[in-house]
C-alpha atoms as a PDB file:
ATOM      1  CA  THR A   1     -17.801 -30.542  45.331  1.00  0.00           C
ATOM      2  CA  PRO A   2     -17.306 -30.481  41.478  1.00  0.00           C
ATOM      3  CA  SER A   3     -15.939 -27.630  39.889  1.00  0.00           C
ATOM      4  CA  GLU A   4     -18.091 -26.068  37.624  1.00  0.00           C
ATOM      5  CA  SER A   5     -16.453 -25.718  33.786  1.00  0.00           C
ATOM      6  CA  PRO A   6     -16.196 -21.879  33.755  1.00  0.00           C
ATOM      7  CA  SER A   7     -18.569 -20.088  31.121  1.00  0.00           C
ATOM      8  CA  SER A   8     -17.223 -18.083  28.177  1.00  0.00           C
ATOM      9  CA  SER A   9     -18.077 -14.913  30.136  1.00  0.00           C
ATOM     10  CA  SER A  10     -15.681 -15.806  33.058  1.00  0.00           C
ATOM     11  CA  VAL A  11     -12.562 -16.892  31.238  1.00  0.00           C
ATOM     12  CA  PRO A  12     -10.209 -14.072  32.411  1.00  0.00           C
ATOM     13  CA  GLU A  13      -9.076 -11.239  29.853  1.00  0.00           C
ATOM     14  CA  MET A  14      -5.534 -12.471  30.272  1.00  0.00           C
ATOM     15  CA  GLU A  15      -6.315 -15.867  28.626  1.00  0.00           C
ATOM     16  CA  PHE A  16      -8.255 -14.171  25.759  1.00  0.00           C
ATOM     17  CA  THR A  17      -5.717 -11.655  25.448  1.00  0.00           C
ATOM     18  CA  THR A  18      -2.862 -14.638  25.313  1.00  0.00           C
ATOM     19  CA  LEU A  19      -4.633 -16.711  22.811  1.00  0.00           C
ATOM     20  CA  ALA A  20      -5.570 -13.584  20.319  1.00  0.00           C
ATOM     21  CA  ARG A  21      -1.832 -12.768  20.383  1.00  0.00           C
ATOM     22  CA  ALA A  22      -1.102 -16.207  19.152  1.00  0.00           C
ATOM     23  CA  LEU A  23      -4.009 -15.973  17.065  1.00  0.00           C
ATOM     24  CA  LEU A  24      -2.695 -12.743  15.124  1.00  0.00           C
ATOM     25  CA  VAL A  25       1.008 -13.562  15.029  1.00  0.00           C
ATOM     26  CA  CYS A  26       0.391 -17.096  13.409  1.00  0.00           C
ATOM     27  CA  LEU A  27      -2.168 -15.220  10.417  1.00  0.00           C
ATOM     28  CA  ASN A  28       0.871 -12.973  10.603  1.00  0.00           C
ATOM     29  CA  GLY A  29       2.863 -15.654   9.699  1.00  0.00           C
ATOM     30  CA  ARG A  30       0.859 -16.694   6.822  1.00  0.00           C
ATOM     31  CA  LEU A  31       1.802 -13.824   5.121  1.00  0.00           C
ATOM     32  CA  LEU A  32       4.983 -15.144   4.030  1.00  0.00           C
ATOM     33  CA  ASP A  33       3.387 -18.475   3.646  1.00  0.00           C
ATOM     34  CA  LYS A  34       4.752 -20.402   0.216  1.00  0.00           C
ATOM     35  CA  SER A  35       1.482 -20.765  -1.539  1.00  0.00           C
ATOM     36  CA  PRO A  36       0.054 -17.469  -2.614  1.00  0.00           C
ATOM     37  CA  VAL A  37      -3.384 -18.812  -1.852  1.00  0.00           C
ATOM     38  CA  VAL A  38      -2.587 -19.054   1.897  1.00  0.00           C
ATOM     39  CA  ARG A  39      -0.796 -15.755   1.472  1.00  0.00           C
ATOM     40  CA  ALA A  40      -3.911 -13.931  -0.086  1.00  0.00           C
ATOM     41  CA  ARG A  41      -6.380 -15.664   2.471  1.00  0.00           C
ATOM     42  CA  ALA A  42      -4.239 -14.476   5.237  1.00  0.00           C
ATOM     43  CA  ALA A  43      -4.407 -10.562   4.196  1.00  0.00           C
ATOM     44  CA  TYR A  44      -8.116 -10.826   3.638  1.00  0.00           C
ATOM     45  CA  SER A  45      -8.507 -12.554   7.214  1.00  0.00           C
ATOM     46  CA  VAL A  46      -6.712  -9.193   8.885  1.00  0.00           C
ATOM     47  CA  VAL A  47      -8.947  -7.318   6.779  1.00  0.00           C
ATOM     48  CA  GLN A  48     -11.987  -9.594   8.770  1.00  0.00           C
ATOM     49  CA  VAL A  49      -9.983  -9.253  12.156  1.00  0.00           C
ATOM     50  CA  ILE A  50      -9.813  -5.334  11.751  1.00  0.00           C
ATOM     51  CA  ASP A  51     -13.179  -4.850  10.429  1.00  0.00           C
ATOM     52  CA  SER A  52     -14.836  -6.574  13.023  1.00  0.00           C
ATOM     53  CA  PRO A  53     -14.289  -4.377  16.153  1.00  0.00           C
ATOM     54  CA  LEU A  54     -13.487  -1.007  13.794  1.00  0.00           C
ATOM     55  CA  TYR A  55     -17.677  -0.854  12.255  1.00  0.00           C
ATOM     56  CA  HIS A  56     -19.440  -3.089  14.321  1.00  0.00           C
ATOM     57  CA  GLU A  57     -17.992  -2.726  18.049  1.00  0.00           C
ATOM     58  CA  LYS A  58     -20.282  -5.138  18.957  1.00  0.00           C
ATOM     59  CA  THR A  59     -17.893  -5.257  22.130  1.00  0.00           C
ATOM     60  CA  ASN A  60     -15.967  -2.609  23.573  1.00  0.00           C
ATOM     61  CA  ASP A  61     -12.864  -5.093  24.129  1.00  0.00           C
ATOM     62  CA  SER A  62      -9.934  -2.891  25.532  1.00  0.00           C
ATOM     63  CA  GLY A  63      -7.891  -6.180  25.495  1.00  0.00           C
ATOM     64  CA  PHE A  64      -8.675  -6.999  21.929  1.00  0.00           C
ATOM     65  CA  HIS A  65      -7.822  -3.655  20.686  1.00  0.00           C
ATOM     66  CA  ALA A  66      -4.426  -3.698  22.625  1.00  0.00           C
ATOM     67  CA  THR A  67      -3.274  -7.166  21.287  1.00  0.00           C
ATOM     68  CA  LEU A  68      -4.397  -6.123  17.741  1.00  0.00           C
ATOM     69  CA  GLU A  69      -2.458  -2.333  18.297  1.00  0.00           C
ATOM     70  CA  THR A  70       0.424  -4.167  19.992  1.00  0.00           C
ATOM     71  CA  LEU A  71       0.995  -6.173  16.645  1.00  0.00           C
ATOM     72  CA  LEU A  72       0.080  -4.008  13.763  1.00  0.00           C
ATOM     73  CA  PRO A  73       3.134  -2.806  12.933  1.00  0.00           C
ATOM     74  CA  GLN A  74       4.405  -5.788  12.139  1.00  0.00           C
ATOM     75  CA  ILE A  75       1.621  -6.522  10.427  1.00  0.00           C
ATOM     76  CA  LEU A  76       1.756  -3.437   8.547  1.00  0.00           C
ATOM     77  CA  ASN A  77       5.235  -4.389   7.627  1.00  0.00           C
ATOM     78  CA  ARG A  78       4.362  -7.411   6.585  1.00  0.00           C
ATOM     79  CA  LEU A  79       1.552  -6.142   4.070  1.00  0.00           C
ATOM     80  CA  GLY A  80       4.004  -3.551   2.878  1.00  0.00           C
ATOM     81  CA  ASP A  81       6.523  -6.417   1.808  1.00  0.00           C
ATOM     82  CA  ARG A  82       3.668  -8.277   0.032  1.00  0.00           C
ATOM     83  CA  ILE A  83       2.683  -5.374  -1.678  1.00  0.00           C
ATOM     84  CA  ARG A  84       6.158  -4.693  -2.751  1.00  0.00           C
ATOM     85  CA  LEU A  85       7.778  -7.969  -3.514  1.00  0.00           C
ATOM     86  CA  ASP A  86       5.078 -10.723  -3.931  1.00  0.00           C
ATOM     87  CA  GLU A  87       4.867 -11.926  -7.681  1.00  0.00           C
ATOM     88  CA  LYS A  88       1.018 -12.903  -7.936  1.00  0.00           C
ATOM     89  CA  ALA A  89      -1.581 -10.317  -8.373  1.00  0.00           C
ATOM     90  CA  THR A  90      -3.888 -11.543  -6.250  1.00  0.00           C
ATOM     91  CA  VAL A  91      -1.594 -11.468  -3.069  1.00  0.00           C
ATOM     92  CA  ARG A  92      -0.559  -8.038  -3.586  1.00  0.00           C
ATOM     93  CA  LYS A  93      -4.583  -6.832  -4.572  1.00  0.00           C
ATOM     94  CA  ALA A  94      -5.271  -8.789  -0.740  1.00  0.00           C
ATOM     95  CA  ALA A  95      -2.835  -7.187   0.589  1.00  0.00           C
ATOM     96  CA  ILE A  96      -3.615  -3.744  -0.296  1.00  0.00           C
ATOM     97  CA  VAL A  97      -6.898  -4.101   0.878  1.00  0.00           C
ATOM     98  CA  ALA A  98      -5.444  -5.029   3.977  1.00  0.00           C
ATOM     99  CA  LEU A  99      -3.135  -2.460   4.610  1.00  0.00           C
ATOM    100  CA  SER A 100      -5.690   0.397   3.501  1.00  0.00           C
ATOM    101  CA  LYS A 101      -8.412  -0.929   6.366  1.00  0.00           C
ATOM    102  CA  ALA A 102      -5.136  -1.587   8.742  1.00  0.00           C
ATOM    103  CA  SER A 103      -4.473   2.073   8.401  1.00  0.00           C
ATOM    104  CA  LEU A 104      -7.989   3.069   8.567  1.00  0.00           C
ATOM    105  CA  TYR A 105      -7.866   1.419  11.886  1.00  0.00           C
ATOM    106  CA  CYS A 106      -5.181   3.089  12.757  1.00  0.00           C
ATOM    107  CA  GLN A 107      -7.092   6.754  12.021  1.00  0.00           C
ATOM    108  CA  HIS A 108     -10.169   5.389  13.775  1.00  0.00           C
ATOM    109  CA  ARG A 109      -8.198   4.567  16.608  1.00  0.00           C
ATOM    110  CA  GLU A 110      -5.892   7.625  16.694  1.00  0.00           C
ATOM    111  CA  LEU A 111      -3.105   5.604  16.984  1.00  0.00           C
ATOM    112  CA  GLY A 112       0.173   7.621  16.970  1.00  0.00           C
ATOM    113  CA  GLU A 113       1.698   8.179  13.325  1.00  0.00           C
ATOM    114  CA  SER A 114      -0.689   7.532  10.632  1.00  0.00           C
ATOM    115  CA  SER A 115       0.633   4.343   8.242  1.00  0.00           C
ATOM    116  CA  MET A 116      -1.266   6.275   5.641  1.00  0.00           C
ATOM    117  CA  GLU A 117       1.349   8.862   5.784  1.00  0.00           C
ATOM    118  CA  ASN A 118       4.028   5.808   5.317  1.00  0.00           C
ATOM    119  CA  HIS A 119       2.366   4.263   2.663  1.00  0.00           C
ATOM    120  CA  ILE A 120       1.038   6.700   0.140  1.00  0.00           C
ATOM    121  CA  GLU A 121       3.998   7.017  -2.236  1.00  0.00           C
ATOM    122  CA  LEU A 122       3.769   2.882  -2.202  1.00  0.00           C
ATOM    123  CA  LEU A 123       0.045   2.812  -3.122  1.00  0.00           C
ATOM    124  CA  GLY A 124       0.650   5.716  -6.038  1.00  0.00           C
ATOM    125  CA  ARG A 125       3.227   3.362  -7.252  1.00  0.00           C
ATOM    126  CA  LEU A 126       0.778   0.372  -7.343  1.00  0.00           C
ATOM    127  CA  CYS A 127      -1.382   2.591  -9.466  1.00  0.00           C
ATOM    128  CA  GLY A 128       1.207   1.770 -12.700  1.00  0.00           C
ATOM    129  CA  ASP A 129       1.497  -1.899 -11.392  1.00  0.00           C
ATOM    130  CA  ALA A 130       0.966  -4.650 -14.333  1.00  0.00           C
ATOM    131  CA  SER A 131      -1.868  -6.161 -12.668  1.00  0.00           C
ATOM    132  CA  LEU A 132      -5.517  -4.623 -13.511  1.00  0.00           C
ATOM    133  CA  THR A 133      -6.593  -5.894 -10.088  1.00  0.00           C
ATOM    134  CA  SER A 134      -3.959  -4.143  -8.153  1.00  0.00           C
ATOM    135  CA  ARG A 135      -3.875  -1.299  -9.698  1.00  0.00           C
ATOM    136  CA  LYS A 136      -7.812  -1.062  -8.974  1.00  0.00           C
ATOM    137  CA  ALA A 137      -7.496  -1.809  -5.193  1.00  0.00           C
ATOM    138  CA  ALA A 138      -4.638   0.686  -5.160  1.00  0.00           C
ATOM    139  CA  ALA A 139      -6.829   3.617  -6.164  1.00  0.00           C
ATOM    140  CA  GLN A 140      -9.508   2.346  -4.348  1.00  0.00           C
ATOM    141  CA  ALA A 141      -7.409   2.623  -0.801  1.00  0.00           C
ATOM    142  CA  LEU A 142      -6.397   6.119  -2.073  1.00  0.00           C
ATOM    143  CA  THR A 143      -9.903   7.052  -2.719  1.00  0.00           C
ATOM    144  CA  ASP A 144     -10.987   6.232   0.640  1.00  0.00           C
ATOM    145  CA  TRP A 145      -8.355   7.628   2.522  1.00  0.00           C
ATOM    146  CA  LEU A 146      -9.040  10.754   0.680  1.00  0.00           C
ATOM    147  CA  LEU A 147     -12.527  10.649   1.516  1.00  0.00           C
ATOM    148  CA  LEU A 148     -11.672   9.742   5.334  1.00  0.00           C
ATOM    149  CA  GLN A 149      -9.371  13.140   5.224  1.00  0.00           C
ATOM    150  CA  HIS A 150     -12.187  15.199   3.758  1.00  0.00           C
ATOM    151  CA  GLU A 151     -14.664  13.634   6.304  1.00  0.00           C
ATOM    152  CA  GLN A 152     -12.399  14.568   9.045  1.00  0.00           C
ATOM    153  CA  SER A 153     -11.838  18.137   7.591  1.00  0.00           C
ATOM    154  CA  ASN A 154     -15.885  18.889   7.529  1.00  0.00           C
ATOM    155  CA  ASN A 155     -15.935  17.838  11.134  1.00  0.00           C
ATOM    156  CA  LEU A 156     -13.420  19.907  12.118  1.00  0.00           C
ATOM    157  CA  ASN A 157     -14.260  22.821  10.202  1.00  0.00           C
ATOM    158  CA  GLU A 158     -17.877  22.079  11.636  1.00  0.00           C
ATOM    159  CA  GLY A 159     -16.489  21.744  15.488  1.00  0.00           C
ATOM    160  CA  ASN A 160     -15.048  25.408  14.449  1.00  0.00           C
ATOM    161  CA  GLU A 161     -18.203  27.096  13.007  1.00  0.00           C
ATOM    162  CA  ASN A 162     -20.360  25.214  16.117  1.00  0.00           C
ATOM    163  CA  LYS A 163     -17.312  26.818  18.659  1.00  0.00           C
ATOM    164  CA  TYR A 164     -18.130  30.604  17.974  1.00  0.00           C
ATOM    165  CA  SER A 165     -21.385  30.176  16.686  1.00  0.00           C
ATOM    166  CA  PHE A 166     -24.365  32.327  18.804  1.00  0.00           C
END
């Protein structure tokens, strides 16, 4: 009997996880590309990858999340390097946006030590960057993080108020 071609729903999760890992590793590598356009595009691609499962949650794919979360420390380190060391403002701005989104993802998924805490000083220094776009992106990232902390604090307080209400 001729074998049927597998549908996308029957592709084993292991194959997808391996493919997702390979793609994320390649994307992370492009953050070191010699071309600033490619470095900036890679940083914005990190944002797209993170935004998809974080805000749209079309799928609750634990394999994808696990793959992303395994590689996030490497990606965060590389983004931090781009922010600190890249001579091009467009790359620094893209890396700031990506670092912010990745940190929000970590907070949303409750992943260990907050990458926000690790990068607050760096973003604070970038608020004095020579580039207006980098300063603006750093200030926006700090604002987003502050709003998230405020929201979480309110949620925690509401939970405590409900706990003791009759």
